[in-house]
Amino acid sequence: MDTVQNNAVATVHYTGTLPETGEVFDTSEGRDPLVFLVGHRQMITGFEEEMIGAKVGERRTFTLEAERAYGERQEENVTTFPRSDFAAVEAQVPLEVGMTLVADMIDGPRPFTILSVDEQTISADFNHKLAGKSLTFSVEVVELRAAEESEVSHGHVHGKGGVTH
């Protein structure tokens, strides 16, 4: 496998920054590289699109607008709950603005950020923390290989950097 393409297992080092401030929001620096199965919705769409065709050793830098990253912020993802719904959590830790918690929803676990806390209610934001933001990535392809049949059928990488089952 010579280039990043669908059903390739790509191993990359990356740094993600906010273009308006240069703040690093995520990086593999000092950690193992990121391993993912291309074309199986493991990465944000724009990231994969920008990496298609890259070769081992190639470095690409690109900026994604919000719609190609985590999408625009959606106000319907901000909601208010009765504070009493959080009694079990509050028994263990004090609730604070900015705290991230995970809610068990019908479609699975969903992280949210606490926006406000008063005596009666808690305001929660279920938007991704990077929703509505442009993101810049600097990515170097470290390794490429063709995915195994079982990886393609399962939709994820097996072994080092992937799922073991």
C-alpha atoms as a PDB file:
ATOM      1  CA  MET A   1       0.000   0.000   0.000  1.00  0.00           C
ATOM      2  CA  ASP A   2       1.694   3.187  -1.212  1.00  0.00           C
ATOM      3  CA  THR A   3      -0.812   5.902  -0.288  1.00  0.00           C
ATOM      4  CA  VAL A   4      -3.543   6.699   2.214  1.00  0.00           C
ATOM      5  CA  GLN A   5      -6.764   5.308   0.737  1.00  0.00           C
ATOM      6  CA  ASN A   6      -9.977   3.603   1.799  1.00  0.00           C
ATOM      7  CA  ASN A   7      -9.385   0.351   3.691  1.00  0.00           C
ATOM      8  CA  ALA A   8      -5.794   1.291   4.477  1.00  0.00           C
ATOM      9  CA  VAL A   9      -4.522   1.199   8.033  1.00  0.00           C
ATOM     10  CA  ALA A  10      -2.784   4.541   8.468  1.00  0.00           C
ATOM     11  CA  THR A  11      -0.372   5.304  11.288  1.00  0.00           C
ATOM     12  CA  VAL A  12       0.221   9.029  11.760  1.00  0.00           C
ATOM     13  CA  HIS A  13       1.740  11.558  14.115  1.00  0.00           C
ATOM     14  CA  TYR A  14      -0.324  14.728  14.314  1.00  0.00           C
ATOM     15  CA  THR A  15      -0.793  18.031  16.063  1.00  0.00           C
ATOM     16  CA  GLY A  16      -4.119  19.845  16.031  1.00  0.00           C
ATOM     17  CA  THR A  17      -4.248  23.591  16.717  1.00  0.00           C
ATOM     18  CA  LEU A  18      -6.828  26.351  16.737  1.00  0.00           C
ATOM     19  CA  PRO A  19      -5.817  28.603  13.824  1.00  0.00           C
ATOM     20  CA  GLU A  20      -6.927  31.845  15.461  1.00  0.00           C
ATOM     21  CA  THR A  21      -4.758  31.341  18.574  1.00  0.00           C
ATOM     22  CA  GLY A  22      -2.287  28.572  17.722  1.00  0.00           C
ATOM     23  CA  GLU A  23      -3.422  26.716  20.866  1.00  0.00           C
ATOM     24  CA  VAL A  24      -2.739  22.967  20.654  1.00  0.00           C
ATOM     25  CA  PHE A  25      -5.967  21.053  21.343  1.00  0.00           C
ATOM     26  CA  ASP A  26      -4.538  17.569  20.694  1.00  0.00           C
ATOM     27  CA  THR A  27      -1.271  15.950  19.660  1.00  0.00           C
ATOM     28  CA  SER A  28       0.389  12.563  19.454  1.00  0.00           C
ATOM     29  CA  GLU A  29       3.726  14.168  20.381  1.00  0.00           C
ATOM     30  CA  GLY A  30       5.276  12.209  23.222  1.00  0.00           C
ATOM     31  CA  ARG A  31       2.797   9.353  22.701  1.00  0.00           C
ATOM     32  CA  ASP A  32       2.308   6.478  20.316  1.00  0.00           C
ATOM     33  CA  PRO A  33       1.153   7.541  16.860  1.00  0.00           C
ATOM     34  CA  LEU A  34      -2.536   7.402  15.959  1.00  0.00           C
ATOM     35  CA  VAL A  35      -3.631   4.276  14.054  1.00  0.00           C
ATOM     36  CA  PHE A  36      -6.922   4.292  12.134  1.00  0.00           C
ATOM     37  CA  LEU A  37      -8.805   2.480   9.387  1.00  0.00           C
ATOM     38  CA  VAL A  38      -9.348   4.892   6.506  1.00  0.00           C
ATOM     39  CA  GLY A  39     -12.886   5.256   5.199  1.00  0.00           C
ATOM     40  CA  HIS A  40     -14.638   3.813   8.250  1.00  0.00           C
ATOM     41  CA  ARG A  41     -15.706   7.020  10.019  1.00  0.00           C
ATOM     42  CA  GLN A  42     -13.073   6.782  12.732  1.00  0.00           C
ATOM     43  CA  MET A  43     -11.768  10.261  11.962  1.00  0.00           C
ATOM     44  CA  ILE A  44     -13.500  13.521  11.224  1.00  0.00           C
ATOM     45  CA  THR A  45     -14.393  13.604   7.543  1.00  0.00           C
ATOM     46  CA  GLY A  46     -12.163  16.509   6.546  1.00  0.00           C
ATOM     47  CA  PHE A  47      -9.107  14.921   8.185  1.00  0.00           C
ATOM     48  CA  GLU A  48      -9.454  11.769   6.089  1.00  0.00           C
ATOM     49  CA  GLU A  49     -10.238  13.723   2.910  1.00  0.00           C
ATOM     50  CA  GLU A  50      -7.072  15.794   3.313  1.00  0.00           C
ATOM     51  CA  MET A  51      -4.906  12.725   3.937  1.00  0.00           C
ATOM     52  CA  ILE A  52      -6.070  10.696   0.906  1.00  0.00           C
ATOM     53  CA  GLY A  53      -3.111  10.149  -1.406  1.00  0.00           C
ATOM     54  CA  ALA A  54      -0.413  10.895   1.196  1.00  0.00           C
ATOM     55  CA  LYS A  55       2.638   8.618   1.276  1.00  0.00           C
ATOM     56  CA  VAL A  56       4.776   7.322   4.143  1.00  0.00           C
ATOM     57  CA  GLY A  57       7.073  10.114   5.311  1.00  0.00           C
ATOM     58  CA  GLU A  58       4.856  12.808   3.823  1.00  0.00           C
ATOM     59  CA  ARG A  59       3.745  15.667   6.059  1.00  0.00           C
ATOM     60  CA  ARG A  60       0.569  17.615   5.331  1.00  0.00           C
ATOM     61  CA  THR A  61      -0.727  20.735   7.016  1.00  0.00           C
ATOM     62  CA  PHE A  62      -4.324  21.807   6.438  1.00  0.00           C
ATOM     63  CA  THR A  63      -7.109  23.832   8.019  1.00  0.00           C
ATOM     64  CA  LEU A  64     -10.650  22.504   8.234  1.00  0.00           C
ATOM     65  CA  GLU A  65     -13.643  24.791   8.552  1.00  0.00           C
ATOM     66  CA  ALA A  66     -16.143  23.738  11.227  1.00  0.00           C
ATOM     67  CA  GLU A  67     -18.464  21.923   8.804  1.00  0.00           C
ATOM     68  CA  ARG A  68     -15.587  19.580   7.781  1.00  0.00           C
ATOM     69  CA  ALA A  69     -14.495  19.074  11.385  1.00  0.00           C
ATOM     70  CA  TYR A  70     -16.950  18.718  14.278  1.00  0.00           C
ATOM     71  CA  GLY A  71     -19.739  20.705  12.644  1.00  0.00           C
ATOM     72  CA  GLU A  72     -21.375  23.954  13.639  1.00  0.00           C
ATOM     73  CA  ARG A  73     -22.629  24.461  17.172  1.00  0.00           C
ATOM     74  CA  GLN A  74     -26.285  23.555  17.431  1.00  0.00           C
ATOM     75  CA  GLU A  75     -28.328  25.333  20.060  1.00  0.00           C
ATOM     76  CA  GLU A  76     -30.713  22.372  20.302  1.00  0.00           C
ATOM     77  CA  ASN A  77     -27.778  20.478  21.855  1.00  0.00           C
ATOM     78  CA  VAL A  78     -27.913  22.823  24.857  1.00  0.00           C
ATOM     79  CA  THR A  79     -30.522  21.780  27.397  1.00  0.00           C
ATOM     80  CA  THR A  80     -31.530  22.277  31.010  1.00  0.00           C
ATOM     81  CA  PHE A  81     -32.086  19.510  33.549  1.00  0.00           C
ATOM     82  CA  PRO A  82     -33.487  19.561  37.073  1.00  0.00           C
ATOM     83  CA  ARG A  83     -30.552  19.637  39.473  1.00  0.00           C
ATOM     84  CA  SER A  84     -32.139  16.707  41.310  1.00  0.00           C
ATOM     85  CA  ASP A  85     -31.260  14.511  38.279  1.00  0.00           C
ATOM     86  CA  PHE A  86     -27.610  14.877  39.342  1.00  0.00           C
ATOM     87  CA  ALA A  87     -28.010  13.926  43.027  1.00  0.00           C
ATOM     88  CA  ALA A  88     -25.946  10.728  42.656  1.00  0.00           C
ATOM     89  CA  VAL A  89     -23.128  12.629  40.925  1.00  0.00           C
ATOM     90  CA  GLU A  90     -23.204  15.458  43.481  1.00  0.00           C
ATOM     91  CA  ALA A  91     -22.919  12.908  46.280  1.00  0.00           C
ATOM     92  CA  GLN A  92     -19.437  12.112  44.909  1.00  0.00           C
ATOM     93  CA  VAL A  93     -18.145  15.389  43.403  1.00  0.00           C
ATOM     94  CA  PRO A  94     -19.266  19.023  43.437  1.00  0.00           C
ATOM     95  CA  LEU A  95     -20.783  20.130  40.115  1.00  0.00           C
ATOM     96  CA  GLU A  96     -18.836  22.971  38.498  1.00  0.00           C
ATOM     97  CA  VAL A  97     -19.219  25.075  35.372  1.00  0.00           C
ATOM     98  CA  GLY A  98     -16.912  23.674  32.664  1.00  0.00           C
ATOM     99  CA  MET A  99     -16.977  20.142  34.076  1.00  0.00           C
ATOM    100  CA  THR A 100     -17.404  17.379  31.487  1.00  0.00           C
ATOM    101  CA  LEU A 101     -19.667  14.458  32.346  1.00  0.00           C
ATOM    102  CA  VAL A 102     -21.092  11.569  30.335  1.00  0.00           C
ATOM    103  CA  ALA A 103     -24.823  10.900  30.043  1.00  0.00           C
ATOM    104  CA  ASP A 104     -26.218   7.458  29.270  1.00  0.00           C
ATOM    105  CA  MET A 105     -28.533   8.183  26.334  1.00  0.00           C
ATOM    106  CA  ILE A 106     -30.725   5.879  24.242  1.00  0.00           C
ATOM    107  CA  ASP A 107     -28.104   5.932  21.451  1.00  0.00           C
ATOM    108  CA  GLY A 108     -25.201   5.350  23.850  1.00  0.00           C
ATOM    109  CA  PRO A 109     -22.992   7.470  26.101  1.00  0.00           C
ATOM    110  CA  ARG A 110     -22.737  11.194  25.227  1.00  0.00           C
ATOM    111  CA  PRO A 111     -20.324  13.627  26.849  1.00  0.00           C
ATOM    112  CA  PHE A 112     -21.564  17.072  27.826  1.00  0.00           C
ATOM    113  CA  THR A 113     -20.182  20.197  29.459  1.00  0.00           C
ATOM    114  CA  ILE A 114     -21.887  21.954  32.347  1.00  0.00           C
ATOM    115  CA  LEU A 115     -22.625  25.561  31.348  1.00  0.00           C
ATOM    116  CA  SER A 116     -24.377  26.731  34.507  1.00  0.00           C
ATOM    117  CA  VAL A 117     -25.493  25.449  37.880  1.00  0.00           C
ATOM    118  CA  ASP A 118     -28.115  27.068  40.105  1.00  0.00           C
ATOM    119  CA  GLU A 119     -30.208  25.813  43.009  1.00  0.00           C
ATOM    120  CA  GLN A 120     -32.845  24.231  40.754  1.00  0.00           C
ATOM    121  CA  THR A 121     -31.288  23.494  37.344  1.00  0.00           C
ATOM    122  CA  ILE A 122     -28.168  22.547  35.430  1.00  0.00           C
ATOM    123  CA  SER A 123     -27.550  23.741  31.876  1.00  0.00           C
ATOM    124  CA  ALA A 124     -25.688  21.170  29.753  1.00  0.00           C
ATOM    125  CA  ASP A 125     -24.044  21.506  26.337  1.00  0.00           C
ATOM    126  CA  PHE A 126     -23.930  18.290  24.275  1.00  0.00           C
ATOM    127  CA  ASN A 127     -22.049  19.938  21.370  1.00  0.00           C
ATOM    128  CA  HIS A 128     -18.517  18.648  20.847  1.00  0.00           C
ATOM    129  CA  LYS A 129     -16.096  21.048  22.556  1.00  0.00           C
ATOM    130  CA  LEU A 130     -14.585  21.862  19.131  1.00  0.00           C
ATOM    131  CA  ALA A 131     -17.937  22.339  17.348  1.00  0.00           C
ATOM    132  CA  GLY A 132     -18.118  25.637  15.499  1.00  0.00           C
ATOM    133  CA  LYS A 133     -14.330  25.968  15.299  1.00  0.00           C
ATOM    134  CA  SER A 134     -11.869  25.800  12.442  1.00  0.00           C
ATOM    135  CA  LEU A 135      -9.047  23.341  13.120  1.00  0.00           C
ATOM    136  CA  THR A 136      -5.517  23.163  11.726  1.00  0.00           C
ATOM    137  CA  PHE A 137      -3.701  19.840  11.587  1.00  0.00           C
ATOM    138  CA  SER A 138      -0.072  19.019  10.893  1.00  0.00           C
ATOM    139  CA  VAL A 139       0.095  15.307  10.067  1.00  0.00           C
ATOM    140  CA  GLU A 140       2.968  12.982   9.160  1.00  0.00           C
ATOM    141  CA  VAL A 141       2.279   9.524   7.755  1.00  0.00           C
ATOM    142  CA  VAL A 142       4.476   7.066   9.661  1.00  0.00           C
ATOM    143  CA  GLU A 143       3.234   3.750   8.272  1.00  0.00           C
ATOM    144  CA  LEU A 144       0.650   2.365   5.844  1.00  0.00           C
ATOM    145  CA  ARG A 145      -0.644  -1.108   5.231  1.00  0.00           C
ATOM    146  CA  ALA A 146      -3.648  -2.765   3.635  1.00  0.00           C
ATOM    147  CA  ALA A 147      -6.338  -3.619   6.171  1.00  0.00           C
ATOM    148  CA  GLU A 148      -7.019  -7.265   6.896  1.00  0.00           C
ATOM    149  CA  GLU A 149     -10.408  -8.617   5.851  1.00  0.00           C
ATOM    150  CA  SER A 150     -11.510  -8.875   9.493  1.00  0.00           C
ATOM    151  CA  GLU A 151     -10.554  -5.239  10.119  1.00  0.00           C
ATOM    152  CA  VAL A 152     -12.656  -4.074   7.177  1.00  0.00           C
ATOM    153  CA  SER A 153     -15.648  -6.198   8.232  1.00  0.00           C
ATOM    154  CA  HIS A 154     -15.385  -5.028  11.865  1.00  0.00           C
ATOM    155  CA  GLY A 155     -14.721  -1.408  10.875  1.00  0.00           C
ATOM    156  CA  HIS A 156     -11.640  -0.920  13.030  1.00  0.00           C
ATOM    157  CA  VAL A 157      -7.943  -1.759  13.317  1.00  0.00           C
ATOM    158  CA  HIS A 158      -6.887  -4.874  15.248  1.00  0.00           C
ATOM    159  CA  GLY A 159      -3.676  -5.286  17.221  1.00  0.00           C
ATOM    160  CA  LYS A 160      -1.201  -2.547  18.175  1.00  0.00           C
ATOM    161  CA  GLY A 161      -2.947   0.807  18.190  1.00  0.00           C
ATOM    162  CA  GLY A 162      -6.305  -0.842  17.559  1.00  0.00           C
ATOM    163  CA  VAL A 163      -8.836  -3.126  19.204  1.00  0.00           C
ATOM    164  CA  THR A 164      -7.889  -6.473  20.703  1.00  0.00           C
ATOM    165  CA  HIS A 165     -10.681  -9.058  20.790  1.00  0.00           C
END
